[in-house]
C-alpha atoms as a PDB file:
ATOM      1  CA  MET A   1     -79.729 -17.530 -92.672  1.00  0.00           C
ATOM      2  CA  ILE A   2     -80.546 -16.741 -89.151  1.00  0.00           C
ATOM      3  CA  GLU A   3     -77.536 -17.983 -87.741  1.00  0.00           C
ATOM      4  CA  ARG A   4     -75.066 -15.629 -89.783  1.00  0.00           C
ATOM      5  CA  THR A   5     -77.014 -12.610 -89.012  1.00  0.00           C
ATOM      6  CA  THR A   6     -76.844 -13.536 -85.083  1.00  0.00           C
ATOM      7  CA  SER A   7     -73.138 -14.159 -85.176  1.00  0.00           C
ATOM      8  CA  SER A   8     -72.243 -10.849 -86.659  1.00  0.00           C
ATOM      9  CA  TYR A   9     -74.551  -9.167 -84.489  1.00  0.00           C
ATOM     10  CA  HIS A  10     -72.515 -10.654 -81.733  1.00  0.00           C
ATOM     11  CA  HIS A  11     -69.134  -9.239 -83.070  1.00  0.00           C
ATOM     12  CA  ALA A  12     -70.424  -5.487 -83.774  1.00  0.00           C
ATOM     13  CA  GLN A  13     -71.700  -4.844 -79.697  1.00  0.00           C
ATOM     14  CA  GLY A  14     -67.958  -4.581 -78.710  1.00  0.00           C
ATOM     15  CA  ALA A  15     -67.112  -1.878 -81.408  1.00  0.00           C
ATOM     16  CA  VAL A  16     -69.959   0.402 -80.407  1.00  0.00           C
ATOM     17  CA  LEU A  17     -68.868   0.482 -76.788  1.00  0.00           C
ATOM     18  CA  ILE A  18     -65.063   1.414 -77.898  1.00  0.00           C
ATOM     19  CA  VAL A  19     -65.928   4.064 -80.132  1.00  0.00           C
ATOM     20  CA  SER A  20     -68.342   5.720 -77.394  1.00  0.00           C
ATOM     21  CA  LEU A  21     -65.524   5.700 -74.942  1.00  0.00           C
ATOM     22  CA  ILE A  22     -63.150   7.039 -77.317  1.00  0.00           C
ATOM     23  CA  LEU A  23     -65.548   9.877 -78.038  1.00  0.00           C
ATOM     24  CA  LEU A  24     -66.503  10.479 -74.520  1.00  0.00           C
ATOM     25  CA  LEU A  25     -62.891  10.312 -73.431  1.00  0.00           C
ATOM     26  CA  ALA A  26     -61.997  13.254 -76.274  1.00  0.00           C
ATOM     27  CA  MET A  27     -65.042  15.167 -74.899  1.00  0.00           C
ATOM     28  CA  THR A  28     -63.692  14.955 -71.245  1.00  0.00           C
ATOM     29  CA  LEU A  29     -60.128  16.157 -72.368  1.00  0.00           C
ATOM     30  CA  ILE A  30     -61.817  19.104 -74.359  1.00  0.00           C
ATOM     31  CA  GLY A  31     -63.951  20.095 -71.058  1.00  0.00           C
ATOM     32  CA  VAL A  32     -60.957  20.170 -69.031  1.00  0.00           C
ATOM     33  CA  ALA A  33     -58.759  21.959 -71.294  1.00  0.00           C
ATOM     34  CA  ALA A  34     -61.521  24.587 -71.604  1.00  0.00           C
ATOM     35  CA  ILE A  35     -61.995  24.950 -67.461  1.00  0.00           C
ATOM     36  CA  ASP A  36     -58.131  25.230 -67.423  1.00  0.00           C
ATOM     37  CA  SER A  37     -58.072  27.965 -70.556  1.00  0.00           C
ATOM     38  CA  SER A  38     -60.814  30.017 -68.349  1.00  0.00           C
ATOM     39  CA  SER A  39     -59.100  29.889 -65.136  1.00  0.00           C
ATOM     40  CA  LEU A  40     -55.888  31.290 -66.443  1.00  0.00           C
ATOM     41  CA  GLN A  41     -57.739  34.293 -68.241  1.00  0.00           C
ATOM     42  CA  SER A  42     -59.386  34.903 -64.974  1.00  0.00           C
ATOM     43  CA  GLN A  43     -56.201  35.158 -63.249  1.00  0.00           C
ATOM     44  CA  MET A  44     -54.411  37.239 -66.255  1.00  0.00           C
ATOM     45  CA  ALA A  45     -57.531  39.975 -65.979  1.00  0.00           C
ATOM     46  CA  THR A  46     -56.905  40.204 -62.040  1.00  0.00           C
ATOM     47  CA  ASN A  47     -53.745  40.965 -62.582  1.00  0.00           C
ATOM     48  CA  ASN A  48     -54.312  43.249 -65.341  1.00  0.00           C
ATOM     49  CA  GLN A  49     -56.936  45.465 -62.993  1.00  0.00           C
ATOM     50  CA  ARG A  50     -54.418  45.189 -60.336  1.00  0.00           C
ATOM     51  CA  ALA A  51     -51.966  46.737 -61.962  1.00  0.00           C
ATOM     52  CA  ARG A  52     -54.058  49.407 -63.415  1.00  0.00           C
ATOM     53  CA  SER A  53     -54.894  50.120 -59.924  1.00  0.00           C
ATOM     54  CA  LEU A  54     -51.556  50.616 -58.678  1.00  0.00           C
ATOM     55  CA  TYR A  55     -50.326  52.816 -61.788  1.00  0.00           C
ATOM     56  CA  GLN A  56     -53.750  55.047 -60.715  1.00  0.00           C
ATOM     57  CA  ALA A  57     -52.623  55.003 -57.020  1.00  0.00           C
ATOM     58  CA  THR A  58     -49.138  56.230 -57.539  1.00  0.00           C
ATOM     59  CA  LEU A  59     -50.142  58.710 -60.164  1.00  0.00           C
ATOM     60  CA  SER A  60     -52.442  59.732 -57.787  1.00  0.00           C
ATOM     61  CA  GLU A  61     -49.584  60.459 -55.066  1.00  0.00           C
ATOM     62  CA  ILE A  62     -47.479  61.902 -57.606  1.00  0.00           C
ATOM     63  CA  GLN A  63     -50.220  64.668 -58.340  1.00  0.00           C
ATOM     64  CA  ALA A  64     -51.042  65.086 -54.819  1.00  0.00           C
ATOM     65  CA  GLN A  65     -47.248  65.635 -53.959  1.00  0.00           C
ATOM     66  CA  TYR A  66     -47.125  67.981 -56.978  1.00  0.00           C
ATOM     67  CA  ARG A  67     -50.275  70.170 -55.927  1.00  0.00           C
ATOM     68  CA  LYS A  68     -48.492  70.090 -52.293  1.00  0.00           C
ATOM     69  CA  LEU A  69     -45.255  71.726 -53.719  1.00  0.00           C
ATOM     70  CA  ALA A  70     -47.241  74.832 -54.979  1.00  0.00           C
ATOM     71  CA  GLY A  71     -46.672  75.987 -51.659  1.00  0.00           C
ATOM     72  CA  LEU A  72     -43.369  78.222 -51.053  1.00  0.00           C
ATOM     73  CA  ASP A  73     -43.006  76.794 -47.586  1.00  0.00           C
ATOM     74  CA  TYR A  74     -43.159  73.048 -48.485  1.00  0.00           C
ATOM     75  CA  LEU A  75     -40.525  73.719 -51.615  1.00  0.00           C
ATOM     76  CA  ASN A  76     -38.360  75.204 -49.096  1.00  0.00           C
ATOM     77  CA  SER A  77     -38.679  72.385 -46.765  1.00  0.00           C
ATOM     78  CA  VAL A  78     -37.724  69.864 -49.318  1.00  0.00           C
ATOM     79  CA  LYS A  79     -34.879  72.031 -50.593  1.00  0.00           C
ATOM     80  CA  ASN A  80     -33.283  72.873 -47.257  1.00  0.00           C
ATOM     81  CA  SER A  81     -33.988  69.449 -45.706  1.00  0.00           C
ATOM     82  CA  ALA A  82     -31.253  67.383 -43.832  1.00  0.00           C
ATOM     83  CA  THR A  83     -32.064  64.209 -45.353  1.00  0.00           C
ATOM     84  CA  SER A  84     -29.829  63.181 -48.531  1.00  0.00           C
ATOM     85  CA  ILE A  85     -31.744  61.020 -50.750  1.00  0.00           C
ATOM     86  CA  SER A  86     -29.760  58.584 -52.663  1.00  0.00           C
ATOM     87  CA  ASP A  87     -29.539  57.708 -56.322  1.00  0.00           C
ATOM     88  CA  THR A  88     -29.910  54.116 -55.381  1.00  0.00           C
ATOM     89  CA  LEU A  89     -33.181  54.205 -54.457  1.00  0.00           C
ATOM     90  CA  PRO A  90     -35.644  52.776 -56.642  1.00  0.00           C
ATOM     91  CA  GLY A  91     -37.072  55.172 -59.198  1.00  0.00           C
ATOM     92  CA  VAL A  92     -34.690  58.012 -58.036  1.00  0.00           C
ATOM     93  CA  SER A  93     -32.134  59.274 -61.039  1.00  0.00           C
ATOM     94  CA  ILE A  94     -30.455  61.995 -59.274  1.00  0.00           C
ATOM     95  CA  GLY A  95     -29.461  62.097 -55.338  1.00  0.00           C
ATOM     96  CA  GLY A  96     -29.970  65.405 -53.303  1.00  0.00           C
ATOM     97  CA  PRO A  97     -31.904  66.864 -50.456  1.00  0.00           C
ATOM     98  CA  GLY A  98     -35.288  66.013 -49.897  1.00  0.00           C
ATOM     99  CA  LEU A  99     -38.282  64.307 -47.980  1.00  0.00           C
ATOM    100  CA  ILE A 100     -38.799  60.372 -47.565  1.00  0.00           C
ATOM    101  CA  LEU A 101     -42.425  59.848 -47.332  1.00  0.00           C
ATOM    102  CA  THR A 102     -44.145  56.917 -46.089  1.00  0.00           C
ATOM    103  CA  GLY A 103     -46.947  56.123 -43.870  1.00  0.00           C
ATOM    104  CA  ASP A 104     -48.614  59.768 -43.062  1.00  0.00           C
ATOM    105  CA  ASP A 105     -46.768  61.379 -45.011  1.00  0.00           C
ATOM    106  CA  ILE A 106     -48.734  59.674 -48.332  1.00  0.00           C
ATOM    107  CA  ILE A 107     -51.295  61.844 -49.032  1.00  0.00           C
ATOM    108  CA  THR A 108     -53.511  59.149 -50.964  1.00  0.00           C
ATOM    109  CA  ALA A 109     -53.068  56.219 -48.753  1.00  0.00           C
ATOM    110  CA  ARG A 110     -54.719  53.177 -49.454  1.00  0.00           C
ATOM    111  CA  PRO A 111     -54.807  50.061 -46.810  1.00  0.00           C
ATOM    112  CA  THR A 112     -54.594  47.567 -49.463  1.00  0.00           C
ATOM    113  CA  LEU A 113     -51.325  48.970 -50.808  1.00  0.00           C
ATOM    114  CA  THR A 114     -47.865  49.744 -49.106  1.00  0.00           C
ATOM    115  CA  GLN A 115     -46.626  53.339 -50.208  1.00  0.00           C
ATOM    116  CA  GLU A 116     -44.047  55.392 -50.276  1.00  0.00           C
ATOM    117  CA  ALA A 117     -42.515  58.356 -52.069  1.00  0.00           C
ATOM    118  CA  TYR A 118     -39.360  60.478 -52.592  1.00  0.00           C
ATOM    119  CA  ILE A 119     -39.380  64.194 -53.320  1.00  0.00           C
ATOM    120  CA  VAL A 120     -35.834  64.895 -54.427  1.00  0.00           C
ATOM    121  CA  PHE A 121     -34.678  68.955 -54.929  1.00  0.00           C
ATOM    122  CA  THR A 122     -32.465  68.477 -58.298  1.00  0.00           C
ATOM    123  CA  GLY A 123     -31.046  72.458 -58.572  1.00  0.00           C
ATOM    124  CA  GLU A 124     -31.870  75.764 -58.885  1.00  0.00           C
ATOM    125  CA  ASN A 125     -31.577  77.514 -61.876  1.00  0.00           C
ATOM    126  CA  ASN A 126     -32.188  81.165 -63.322  1.00  0.00           C
ATOM    127  CA  ALA A 127     -35.682  82.042 -64.865  1.00  0.00           C
ATOM    128  CA  PRO A 128     -36.000  81.955 -68.578  1.00  0.00           C
ATOM    129  CA  LEU A 129     -35.544  85.299 -69.963  1.00  0.00           C
ATOM    130  CA  SER A 130     -38.877  85.371 -71.884  1.00  0.00           C
ATOM    131  CA  GLY A 131     -42.158  85.660 -69.295  1.00  0.00           C
ATOM    132  CA  TYR A 132     -40.465  86.830 -66.147  1.00  0.00           C
ATOM    133  CA  SER A 133     -39.777  90.383 -65.497  1.00  0.00           C
ATOM    134  CA  LEU A 134     -36.165  91.877 -64.727  1.00  0.00           C
ATOM    135  CA  ASN A 135     -34.909  88.277 -63.358  1.00  0.00           C
ATOM    136  CA  ASP A 136     -37.335  88.361 -60.155  1.00  0.00           C
ATOM    137  CA  PHE A 137     -37.664  84.478 -60.038  1.00  0.00           C
ATOM    138  CA  GLY A 138     -35.570  81.320 -59.984  1.00  0.00           C
ATOM    139  CA  VAL A 139     -36.387  78.135 -60.554  1.00  0.00           C
ATOM    140  CA  TYR A 140     -36.280  74.963 -58.073  1.00  0.00           C
ATOM    141  CA  SER A 141     -36.246  71.730 -60.118  1.00  0.00           C
ATOM    142  CA  TYR A 142     -37.517  68.856 -57.952  1.00  0.00           C
ATOM    143  CA  GLU A 143     -37.999  65.091 -58.673  1.00  0.00           C
ATOM    144  CA  ILE A 144     -41.223  63.272 -57.448  1.00  0.00           C
ATOM    145  CA  ASN A 145     -40.789  59.200 -57.378  1.00  0.00           C
ATOM    146  CA  ALA A 146     -44.214  57.388 -55.849  1.00  0.00           C
ATOM    147  CA  ILE A 147     -43.481  53.563 -55.045  1.00  0.00           C
ATOM    148  CA  SER A 148     -47.278  51.383 -54.678  1.00  0.00           C
ATOM    149  CA  GLU A 149     -47.001  47.704 -54.015  1.00  0.00           C
ATOM    150  CA  VAL A 150     -50.126  45.616 -52.975  1.00  0.00           C
ATOM    151  CA  THR A 151     -50.005  44.320 -49.545  1.00  0.00           C
ATOM    152  CA  GLY A 152     -48.710  40.295 -49.727  1.00  0.00           C
ATOM    153  CA  THR A 153     -47.940  40.274 -53.285  1.00  0.00           C
ATOM    154  CA  ASN A 154     -44.535  41.393 -55.740  1.00  0.00           C
ATOM    155  CA  THR A 155     -47.177  43.392 -57.726  1.00  0.00           C
ATOM    156  CA  GLN A 156     -45.534  46.904 -57.761  1.00  0.00           C
ATOM    157  CA  SER A 157     -45.797  50.109 -59.289  1.00  0.00           C
ATOM    158  CA  ASP A 158     -43.028  52.836 -59.665  1.00  0.00           C
ATOM    159  CA  GLN A 159     -43.363  56.111 -61.057  1.00  0.00           C
ATOM    160  CA  THR A 160     -41.306  59.162 -61.340  1.00  0.00           C
ATOM    161  CA  GLN A 161     -42.179  62.968 -62.333  1.00  0.00           C
ATOM    162  CA  GLY A 162     -39.796  65.808 -62.782  1.00  0.00           C
ATOM    163  CA  LEU A 163     -41.103  69.318 -62.231  1.00  0.00           C
ATOM    164  CA  GLN A 164     -39.947  73.045 -62.241  1.00  0.00           C
ATOM    165  CA  ARG A 165     -41.649  75.548 -59.765  1.00  0.00           C
ATOM    166  CA  PRO A 166     -40.931  79.134 -60.174  1.00  0.00           C
ATOM    167  CA  VAL A 167     -39.847  80.856 -57.200  1.00  0.00           C
ATOM    168  CA  PRO A 168     -39.437  84.670 -56.249  1.00  0.00           C
ATOM    169  CA  VAL A 169     -36.032  85.720 -55.676  1.00  0.00           C
ATOM    170  CA  GLY A 170     -35.049  87.142 -52.232  1.00  0.00           C
ATOM    171  CA  GLN A 171     -38.321  85.108 -50.738  1.00  0.00           C
ATOM    172  CA  ASP A 172     -36.279  82.080 -50.297  1.00  0.00           C
ATOM    173  CA  GLN A 173     -36.561  80.992 -46.661  1.00  0.00           C
ATOM    174  CA  GLY A 174     -33.259  79.270 -47.181  1.00  0.00           C
ATOM    175  CA  LYS A 175     -31.128  81.831 -48.234  1.00  0.00           C
END
């Protein structure tokens, strides 16, 4: 009886080794998949953060140019500009006279971004009848386009905002 137990014991030793190697392989594959998944999630979070930063930088430039357009001199310099902005440029929907802003012209310039902006004069209209006395005001329409790109990547944000500014009739330096 001792011989039977010993012979069956010798046959069982190899099965334990094979089962433990299969379990070790399965756990290794699960670990590699978890590492790959966390690396992908880290890249997605970085790209999301970069996209939000670009969006904020682009909107910041549009708001800065919007505030700068509050001055009548700047309004007229855009309106009377000799530069013709084409509607084939990125983000520009209506062509016309305007300014192409790059480098030092960008108010909110950031060293890690390549930024440019276009301010296009899109037309002059009469003021609305209500709220303005005796038609003493006209309305200038503008379009501000800002584009930001992270230097060295292909990540880009392109934002456009239209605006209208009332201007006193007769104070336009271009007339």
